[in-house]
Amino acid sequence: MTNTTATAHIDDALARRNALVLAAAQAFGGASAPIVIGTGGLAGWFLLGDDKSLSTLPVTTFVVGMALGTVPAAMLMHRIGRRLGFQIGALSTMAGGIIAAYGVLTGTFWLLCLGTGFSGVGNAFVQQYRFAAADTASAGFRPKAISWVLAGGVVTGVVGPQVVIFSKDLLAPIPFAGAFLAQVGLGLTTIVILSFLRIPRPPRAEVTGAEIRPVHQVAAQPKFVVAVLCGIVSYGLMSLVMTASPLAMIDCDLTETQAMLGIQWHVIAMFAPSFFTGTLIARYGKEPVIAAGLFLLVASSLVALSGITLAHFWFALVLLGVGWNFGFIGATSLVADTYRPEERGRMQATNDFLIFGFQALASLGSGMVLAVWGWEAVNFIVFPFSALALAMLIWLRRTSRGQVAA
C-alpha cells in the first residue's frame, strides 16, 4: 500500500509540463537575484560614508531572507499547495523592490537592507521551483526536470542585468532606485505564469501508512550530509566571489555597465549548462558532475588571480557560473535521493536553510574580505573548501561501493 500510494502522483508527462511552466517562472521570478546582487553592493557603497566594509550587507540580507524564508515557504506550500505558495513568494519580491527603492531614494541604508531581505524571502520560494519540478517526476526524469527549470535562468541572466542597465537611472539623479522598483513588474509577470502550474498535494503519512522519519534521522545519512555539504560549498563559494566581483571591477577602474555585463554573462553561465546537465548526470552519475563543478570553481579563481583586466573578470565569472551549475544541480539531485515523498517538504527546507544560511555568511564575509585583504584573498578562499568537498565526495563514492560489495 505504501509504495503504490507514494508513487501515485508520479507522472512524467505532467512533470514535463510543470517543468516548462517553472522554467518560465524562473526566468522572471529569479531575475530579482541578479538585480540585488548586481546593484545591492553598489547601492550600499553609494549610501555609506568612508567605511565601506558593510557595502555588501544588502546582498547579505537578501541571502538571509532566503535562508529564513525556506522553512516558512515549505510549511506554507504544504498547507496551501505549490501554485498559491509560489505566487505569495512573488508578492514578497515585489514588496522588497518597493522598500529597497524607497530606501535608496531617501538615503536610508537600513531600509535598503530590509527591502533586499524581503526580496530574499521571495527568492526562497523561487529556490523551491527545482524541487517542485521533481515532485511528479520519476527517478530517471528527476535530474532532467531540475535542469529544465534551472535552464530558465538563461533568460534570467539576460533579464536581470539588462533591467539594471536600463532602469538604474530611471529615478535620476538617485542611482539604482529604479532597478529595485523594476522588481514589481517582474513579480506580476511571474504570478501570471505560475497560474498554469498543476502539482498534486504530497501524500499524507496517515493515508499512505508510511512512517515519517525524524529530520535528524534523514539528515544523518552519509549521502545527505555530502550532498548538503557540496551544495553549501558550490553556492557559498559562488556567492563569495560573485558578490565581490562588481566592487572589485569598479575598484579596478572598470565601469558599472561593464560590471553588470560581467554579472549577466555569469548568470547566463550559471543556467545555460542546465540544458544538458541532467543528461550528464544520467550518463556519468551525480558525484562526477559535482566534482567537475568544484574543479571549475577552482579554475575560476585561478583565472581571477592571473590578472585584473576586463577579460580576466568576465572569463572567471563564466567559469564560476558553470561550476556552480554542475555542483548545485548535482547536489540537488543527490539530496533528492535521500527522502521519501512524505518527507520532502521538511527535508527540502532543511537542505535550503543550511545552504542559504552559509551563503549569507559568504556574502557578508565577501565585502569584509575584499575591503580588508583584497580581491586576491577572496579567490584564495575557494581552494581549501573545494578540496574539502572533493574529499567528501571521494569518501562517499568509496563508502557506497563498499556497501554494494558487502
Protein backbone atom coordinates (compact mmCIF):
# COMPACT_ATOMS: atom_id res chain seq x y z
CA MET A 1 0.00 0.00 0.00
CA THR A 2 2.73 2.42 0.91
CA ASN A 3 4.71 2.06 -2.30
CA THR A 4 1.65 2.23 -4.54
CA THR A 5 0.25 5.32 -2.92
CA ALA A 6 3.59 7.05 -2.63
CA THR A 7 4.09 6.73 -6.38
CA ALA A 8 0.53 7.60 -7.35
CA HIS A 9 1.50 11.12 -8.31
CA ILE A 10 4.47 10.12 -10.45
CA ASP A 11 3.61 11.32 -13.95
CA ASP A 12 6.47 12.31 -16.26
CA ALA A 13 4.09 13.94 -18.76
CA LEU A 14 2.80 16.22 -16.02
CA ALA A 15 6.35 16.71 -14.76
CA ARG A 16 7.45 17.91 -18.21
CA ARG A 17 4.57 20.40 -18.36
CA ASN A 18 5.27 21.71 -14.88
CA ALA A 19 9.00 21.93 -15.57
CA LEU A 20 8.34 24.18 -18.57
CA VAL A 21 5.98 26.41 -16.53
CA LEU A 22 8.51 26.62 -13.72
CA ALA A 23 11.31 27.35 -16.17
CA ALA A 24 9.33 30.36 -17.44
CA ALA A 25 8.65 31.43 -13.85
CA GLN A 26 12.35 31.03 -13.07
CA ALA A 27 13.20 33.32 -15.99
CA PHE A 28 11.32 36.26 -14.49
CA GLY A 29 10.87 35.40 -10.82
CA GLY A 30 14.56 34.61 -10.48
CA ALA A 31 15.60 37.94 -12.04
CA SER A 32 15.45 39.65 -8.65
CA ALA A 33 18.61 37.80 -7.62
CA PRO A 34 20.95 39.33 -10.25
CA ILE A 35 19.28 42.70 -9.67
CA VAL A 36 20.04 42.62 -5.94
CA ILE A 37 23.44 41.00 -6.32
CA GLY A 38 24.49 43.35 -9.11
CA THR A 39 23.27 46.56 -7.51
CA GLY A 40 22.95 45.82 -3.78
CA GLY A 41 26.65 46.20 -3.09
CA LEU A 42 26.96 49.23 -5.38
CA ALA A 43 23.93 50.90 -3.77
CA GLY A 44 25.39 50.18 -0.35
CA TRP A 45 28.72 51.65 -1.48
CA PHE A 46 26.83 54.74 -2.67
CA LEU A 47 24.90 55.21 0.58
CA LEU A 48 27.67 54.52 3.08
CA GLY A 49 30.32 57.02 4.14
CA ASP A 50 34.03 56.40 4.46
CA ASP A 51 33.68 52.89 5.94
CA LYS A 52 32.63 50.67 3.04
CA SER A 53 33.12 47.33 4.82
CA LEU A 54 29.34 46.79 5.10
CA SER A 55 28.62 47.70 1.50
CA THR A 56 27.62 44.12 0.65
CA LEU A 57 25.20 43.94 3.60
CA PRO A 58 22.17 44.44 1.27
CA VAL A 59 23.25 41.30 -0.59
CA THR A 60 23.72 39.52 2.72
CA THR A 61 20.22 40.43 3.94
CA PHE A 62 18.92 39.11 0.61
CA VAL A 63 20.58 35.76 1.32
CA VAL A 64 19.49 35.84 4.98
CA GLY A 65 15.94 36.40 3.74
CA MET A 66 16.32 33.32 1.54
CA ALA A 67 17.60 31.25 4.46
CA LEU A 68 14.90 32.42 6.87
CA GLY A 69 12.20 32.00 4.24
CA THR A 70 12.95 28.37 3.36
CA VAL A 71 11.14 26.69 6.26
CA PRO A 72 8.07 29.01 6.23
CA ALA A 73 7.88 28.61 2.44
CA ALA A 74 7.88 24.82 2.70
CA MET A 75 5.29 24.84 5.50
CA LEU A 76 3.05 27.28 3.65
CA MET A 77 3.13 25.28 0.43
CA HIS A 78 2.44 22.08 2.34
CA ARG A 79 -0.80 23.69 3.57
CA ILE A 80 -1.97 25.64 0.52
CA GLY A 81 -0.13 23.99 -2.38
CA ARG A 82 2.77 24.90 -4.64
CA ARG A 83 1.00 27.31 -7.01
CA LEU A 84 -0.51 29.71 -4.48
CA GLY A 85 2.58 29.49 -2.30
CA PHE A 86 4.84 30.48 -5.19
CA GLN A 87 2.55 33.39 -6.06
CA ILE A 88 2.74 34.66 -2.46
CA GLY A 89 6.52 34.46 -2.78
CA ALA A 90 6.36 36.71 -5.84
CA LEU A 91 4.38 39.24 -3.79
CA SER A 92 7.20 39.30 -1.24
CA THR A 93 9.69 40.06 -4.01
CA MET A 94 7.52 42.94 -5.22
CA ALA A 95 7.26 44.37 -1.70
CA GLY A 96 11.02 44.09 -1.33
CA GLY A 97 11.63 46.03 -4.51
CA ILE A 98 9.38 48.87 -3.36
CA ILE A 99 11.02 49.08 0.09
CA ALA A 100 14.57 48.92 -1.32
CA ALA A 101 13.83 51.62 -3.89
CA TYR A 102 12.41 53.87 -1.18
CA GLY A 103 15.49 53.23 0.96
CA VAL A 104 17.81 54.34 -1.83
CA LEU A 105 15.68 57.37 -2.65
CA THR A 106 15.70 58.53 0.99
CA GLY A 107 19.32 57.60 1.61
CA THR A 108 18.28 55.11 4.32
CA PHE A 109 20.71 52.19 4.31
CA TRP A 110 18.68 50.01 6.71
CA LEU A 111 15.58 50.33 4.52
CA LEU A 112 17.63 49.20 1.54
CA CYS A 113 18.69 46.15 3.56
CA LEU A 114 15.13 45.49 4.71
CA GLY A 115 13.90 45.62 1.13
CA THR A 116 16.53 43.21 -0.14
CA GLY A 117 15.64 40.96 2.79
CA PHE A 118 12.02 40.79 1.61
CA SER A 119 13.26 40.05 -1.90
CA GLY A 120 15.32 37.25 -0.39
CA VAL A 121 12.22 35.74 1.21
CA GLY A 122 10.58 35.81 -2.21
CA ASN A 123 13.63 34.12 -3.68
CA ALA A 124 13.31 31.34 -1.08
CA PHE A 125 10.14 30.36 -2.91
CA VAL A 126 11.95 30.59 -6.27
CA GLN A 127 14.58 28.18 -4.97
CA GLN A 128 11.80 25.64 -4.40
CA TYR A 129 10.95 25.65 -8.12
CA ARG A 130 13.58 23.00 -8.78
CA PHE A 131 12.14 20.69 -6.12
CA ALA A 132 8.59 21.30 -7.36
CA ALA A 133 9.66 20.16 -10.83
CA ALA A 134 10.79 16.87 -9.29
CA ASP A 135 7.57 16.33 -7.30
CA THR A 136 5.79 14.35 -10.02
CA ALA A 137 8.90 13.12 -11.89
CA SER A 138 10.18 9.56 -11.92
CA ALA A 139 13.66 8.88 -10.58
CA GLY A 140 15.03 8.71 -14.12
CA PHE A 141 13.49 12.00 -15.25
CA ARG A 142 14.11 13.89 -11.99
CA PRO A 143 17.60 15.30 -12.82
CA LYS A 144 16.33 16.48 -16.22
CA ALA A 145 13.26 18.12 -14.65
CA ILE A 146 15.51 20.03 -12.24
CA SER A 147 17.80 21.01 -15.11
CA TRP A 148 14.90 22.24 -17.25
CA VAL A 149 13.75 24.58 -14.51
CA LEU A 150 17.20 26.00 -13.96
CA ALA A 151 17.59 26.40 -17.72
CA GLY A 152 15.03 29.18 -17.38
CA GLY A 153 17.77 31.06 -15.63
CA VAL A 154 19.38 31.72 -19.02
CA VAL A 155 16.63 34.27 -19.60
CA THR A 156 17.13 35.46 -16.02
CA GLY A 157 20.78 36.08 -16.84
CA VAL A 158 19.74 38.49 -19.58
CA VAL A 159 16.64 40.00 -17.97
CA GLY A 160 18.13 40.85 -14.57
CA PRO A 161 21.27 42.72 -15.68
CA GLN A 162 19.51 44.40 -18.61
CA VAL A 163 16.78 45.63 -16.26
CA VAL A 164 19.53 47.15 -14.10
CA ILE A 165 21.27 48.77 -17.06
CA PHE A 166 18.08 50.35 -18.41
CA SER A 167 16.39 51.24 -15.12
CA LYS A 168 19.19 52.14 -12.70
CA ASP A 169 18.94 55.84 -13.65
CA LEU A 170 15.16 55.81 -14.09
CA LEU A 171 14.78 57.90 -10.92
CA ALA A 172 17.85 60.10 -11.53
CA PRO A 173 19.72 61.77 -10.01
CA ILE A 174 19.44 58.95 -7.45
CA PRO A 175 21.13 55.85 -8.93
CA PHE A 176 19.90 52.25 -8.62
CA ALA A 177 16.43 53.01 -7.15
CA GLY A 178 14.73 52.33 -10.49
CA ALA A 179 16.36 48.91 -10.74
CA PHE A 180 14.88 47.81 -7.42
CA LEU A 181 11.46 49.18 -8.37
CA ALA A 182 11.53 47.12 -11.57
CA GLN A 183 11.06 44.00 -9.44
CA VAL A 184 7.36 44.88 -9.23
CA GLY A 185 6.83 44.25 -12.93
CA LEU A 186 8.85 41.04 -12.82
CA GLY A 187 6.79 39.80 -9.88
CA LEU A 188 3.49 40.43 -11.66
CA THR A 189 4.72 38.54 -14.72
CA THR A 190 5.75 35.62 -12.52
CA ILE A 191 2.33 35.45 -10.83
CA VAL A 192 0.61 35.16 -14.21
CA ILE A 193 2.97 32.39 -15.38
CA LEU A 194 2.50 30.40 -12.17
CA SER A 195 -1.26 30.31 -12.67
CA PHE A 196 -0.62 27.49 -15.18
CA LEU A 197 1.17 25.26 -12.63
CA ARG A 198 -0.51 21.94 -11.70
CA ILE A 199 1.11 19.92 -8.88
CA PRO A 200 -0.90 17.50 -6.70
CA ARG A 201 -0.50 17.71 -2.94
CA PRO A 202 2.06 15.28 -1.46
CA PRO A 203 0.62 12.07 0.03
CA ARG A 204 -0.13 12.21 3.75
CA ALA A 205 1.53 9.71 6.03
CA GLU A 206 -1.77 8.76 7.67
CA VAL A 207 -3.19 7.91 4.22
CA THR A 208 -0.21 6.00 2.86
CA GLY A 209 0.59 4.23 6.11
CA ALA A 210 4.20 5.41 5.77
CA GLU A 211 6.31 6.31 8.76
CA ILE A 212 7.82 9.80 8.51
CA ARG A 213 11.35 9.66 9.83
CA PRO A 214 12.63 12.45 12.09
CA VAL A 215 14.62 15.15 10.30
CA HIS A 216 17.80 14.22 12.16
CA GLN A 217 17.49 10.59 11.04
CA VAL A 218 17.24 11.50 7.37
CA ALA A 219 19.95 14.15 7.74
CA ALA A 220 22.31 11.63 9.33
CA GLN A 221 22.60 9.64 6.11
CA PRO A 222 26.09 9.98 4.60
CA LYS A 223 24.58 10.77 1.19
CA PHE A 224 22.50 13.62 2.67
CA VAL A 225 25.50 15.03 4.55
CA VAL A 226 27.75 15.02 1.49
CA ALA A 227 25.00 16.35 -0.81
CA VAL A 228 24.27 19.29 1.50
CA LEU A 229 27.99 19.97 2.01
CA CYS A 230 28.55 20.10 -1.75
CA GLY A 231 25.53 22.37 -2.14
CA ILE A 232 26.88 24.67 0.57
CA VAL A 233 30.35 24.80 -0.96
CA SER A 234 29.10 25.30 -4.54
CA TYR A 235 26.62 28.03 -3.61
CA GLY A 236 28.71 29.62 -0.88
CA LEU A 237 31.90 29.97 -2.92
CA MET A 238 29.95 31.21 -5.93
CA SER A 239 28.27 33.83 -3.75
CA LEU A 240 31.54 34.83 -2.12
CA VAL A 241 33.26 35.58 -5.42
CA MET A 242 30.24 36.89 -7.33
CA THR A 243 29.26 39.37 -4.61
CA ALA A 244 32.75 40.85 -4.53
CA SER A 245 33.21 40.90 -8.31
CA PRO A 246 31.27 44.10 -9.19
CA LEU A 247 33.04 46.01 -6.41
CA ALA A 248 36.43 44.66 -7.46
CA MET A 249 35.76 45.62 -11.08
CA ILE A 250 34.81 49.18 -10.11
CA ASP A 251 37.92 49.33 -7.92
CA CYS A 252 40.00 48.35 -10.97
CA ASP A 253 38.60 51.34 -12.91
CA LEU A 254 36.06 49.39 -14.94
CA THR A 255 32.60 50.89 -15.45
CA GLU A 256 29.31 50.00 -13.78
CA THR A 257 27.95 48.82 -17.14
CA GLN A 258 30.96 46.54 -17.62
CA ALA A 259 30.42 45.17 -14.12
CA MET A 260 26.74 44.47 -14.82
CA LEU A 261 27.54 42.82 -18.15
CA GLY A 262 30.01 40.64 -16.27
CA ILE A 263 27.22 39.59 -13.92
CA GLN A 264 25.00 38.99 -16.95
CA TRP A 265 27.47 36.58 -18.52
CA HIS A 266 27.98 34.95 -15.14
CA VAL A 267 24.25 34.33 -14.62
CA ILE A 268 23.89 33.01 -18.18
CA ALA A 269 26.80 30.66 -17.48
CA MET A 270 25.07 29.58 -14.25
CA PHE A 271 21.97 28.39 -16.08
CA ALA A 272 22.86 27.68 -19.74
CA PRO A 273 24.52 24.31 -18.95
CA SER A 274 21.18 23.20 -17.46
CA PHE A 275 20.09 22.17 -20.97
CA PHE A 276 22.49 19.22 -20.73
CA THR A 277 23.48 18.89 -17.04
CA GLY A 278 20.67 16.41 -16.41
CA THR A 279 21.87 14.31 -19.34
CA LEU A 280 25.43 14.37 -17.98
CA ILE A 281 24.18 13.24 -14.59
CA ALA A 282 22.20 10.40 -16.18
CA ARG A 283 25.25 9.26 -18.12
CA TYR A 284 28.12 9.78 -15.67
CA GLY A 285 26.44 9.97 -12.28
CA LYS A 286 25.85 12.72 -9.73
CA GLU A 287 29.19 12.61 -7.93
CA PRO A 288 31.39 13.04 -11.06
CA VAL A 289 29.30 16.01 -12.22
CA ILE A 290 29.58 17.64 -8.78
CA ALA A 291 33.35 17.05 -8.83
CA ALA A 292 33.60 18.69 -12.26
CA GLY A 293 31.77 21.71 -10.87
CA LEU A 294 34.19 22.01 -7.97
CA PHE A 295 37.18 21.86 -10.32
CA LEU A 296 35.63 24.65 -12.41
CA LEU A 297 35.25 26.82 -9.28
CA VAL A 298 38.97 26.36 -8.65
CA ALA A 299 39.73 27.18 -12.31
CA SER A 300 37.68 30.37 -11.98
CA SER A 301 39.78 31.58 -9.06
CA LEU A 302 43.00 30.72 -10.89
CA VAL A 303 41.90 32.91 -13.80
CA ALA A 304 40.87 35.72 -11.45
CA LEU A 305 44.25 35.58 -9.73
CA SER A 306 46.12 35.75 -13.04
CA GLY A 307 45.06 39.32 -13.92
CA ILE A 308 42.62 42.19 -13.43
CA THR A 309 41.66 43.08 -16.99
CA LEU A 310 38.04 43.00 -18.16
CA ALA A 311 38.69 39.67 -19.90
CA HIS A 312 40.03 38.13 -16.69
CA PHE A 313 36.97 39.20 -14.70
CA TRP A 314 34.47 38.07 -17.31
CA PHE A 315 36.13 34.71 -18.04
CA ALA A 316 36.45 33.99 -14.33
CA LEU A 317 32.76 34.81 -13.81
CA VAL A 318 31.74 32.48 -16.65
CA LEU A 319 33.76 29.59 -15.17
CA LEU A 320 32.28 30.41 -11.77
CA GLY A 321 28.77 30.14 -13.17
CA VAL A 322 29.31 26.81 -14.94
CA GLY A 323 31.00 25.40 -11.84
CA TRP A 324 28.02 26.42 -9.72
CA ASN A 325 25.62 24.79 -12.18
CA PHE A 326 27.33 21.39 -12.12
CA GLY A 327 27.88 21.47 -8.37
CA PHE A 328 24.43 22.72 -7.38
CA ILE A 329 22.30 20.63 -9.76
CA GLY A 330 24.34 17.56 -8.92
CA ALA A 331 23.94 18.20 -5.18
CA THR A 332 20.20 18.88 -5.56
CA SER A 333 19.74 15.60 -7.45
CA LEU A 334 21.79 13.75 -4.84
CA VAL A 335 19.83 15.09 -1.88
CA ALA A 336 16.53 14.25 -3.64
CA ASP A 337 17.53 10.57 -3.39
CA THR A 338 17.60 10.63 0.41
CA TYR A 339 13.98 11.28 1.41
CA ARG A 340 10.53 9.80 0.82
CA PRO A 341 7.63 11.72 -0.82
CA GLU A 342 6.01 12.30 2.59
CA GLU A 343 9.26 13.80 3.92
CA ARG A 344 10.09 16.04 1.01
CA GLY A 345 8.80 19.36 2.42
CA ARG A 346 10.82 19.22 5.63
CA MET A 347 13.98 17.84 4.05
CA GLN A 348 13.93 20.29 1.13
CA ALA A 349 13.54 23.13 3.63
CA THR A 350 16.36 21.75 5.78
CA ASN A 351 18.63 21.49 2.74
CA ASP A 352 17.91 25.04 1.58
CA PHE A 353 18.12 26.52 5.07
CA LEU A 354 21.62 25.13 5.51
CA ILE A 355 22.78 26.15 2.04
CA PHE A 356 21.45 29.69 2.17
CA GLY A 357 22.47 30.17 5.78
CA PHE A 358 26.07 29.55 4.82
CA GLN A 359 25.62 31.60 1.66
CA ALA A 360 24.59 34.54 3.87
CA LEU A 361 27.87 34.24 5.77
CA ALA A 362 29.75 34.06 2.47
CA SER A 363 28.13 37.17 1.02
CA LEU A 364 28.67 39.17 4.23
CA GLY A 365 32.25 37.99 4.52
CA SER A 366 32.84 38.80 0.86
CA GLY A 367 32.68 42.56 1.40
CA MET A 368 34.76 42.39 4.55
CA VAL A 369 37.47 40.23 2.98
CA LEU A 370 37.55 42.46 -0.10
CA ALA A 371 37.79 45.65 1.98
CA VAL A 372 40.47 44.34 4.35
CA TRP A 373 42.58 41.88 2.34
CA GLY A 374 41.66 42.49 -1.29
CA TRP A 375 40.44 40.61 -4.35
CA GLU A 376 43.20 38.00 -4.19
CA ALA A 377 42.16 36.87 -0.71
CA VAL A 378 38.56 36.38 -1.89
CA ASN A 379 39.75 33.92 -4.52
CA PHE A 380 42.25 32.09 -2.33
CA ILE A 381 39.39 31.07 -0.03
CA VAL A 382 37.95 28.93 -2.85
CA PHE A 383 40.77 26.37 -2.75
CA PRO A 384 40.51 24.76 0.71
CA PHE A 385 36.72 24.50 0.70
CA SER A 386 36.66 22.96 -2.78
CA ALA A 387 39.27 20.44 -1.64
CA LEU A 388 37.14 19.53 1.40
CA ALA A 389 34.05 18.90 -0.73
CA LEU A 390 36.04 16.81 -3.22
CA ALA A 391 37.46 14.72 -0.39
CA MET A 392 33.96 14.07 0.98
CA LEU A 393 32.71 13.07 -2.49
CA ILE A 394 35.54 10.55 -2.82
CA TRP A 395 34.73 9.20 0.64
CA LEU A 396 31.04 8.80 -0.25
CA ARG A 397 31.87 7.08 -3.52
CA ARG A 398 34.17 4.57 -1.79
CA THR A 399 31.70 4.01 1.05
CA SER A 400 28.86 3.34 -1.38
CA ARG A 401 30.93 0.87 -3.37
CA GLY A 402 31.95 -0.86 -0.16
CA GLN A 403 28.31 -1.26 0.87
CA VAL A 404 27.36 -2.65 -2.55
CA ALA A 405 30.26 -5.11 -2.43
CA ALA A 406 29.24 -6.22 1.06
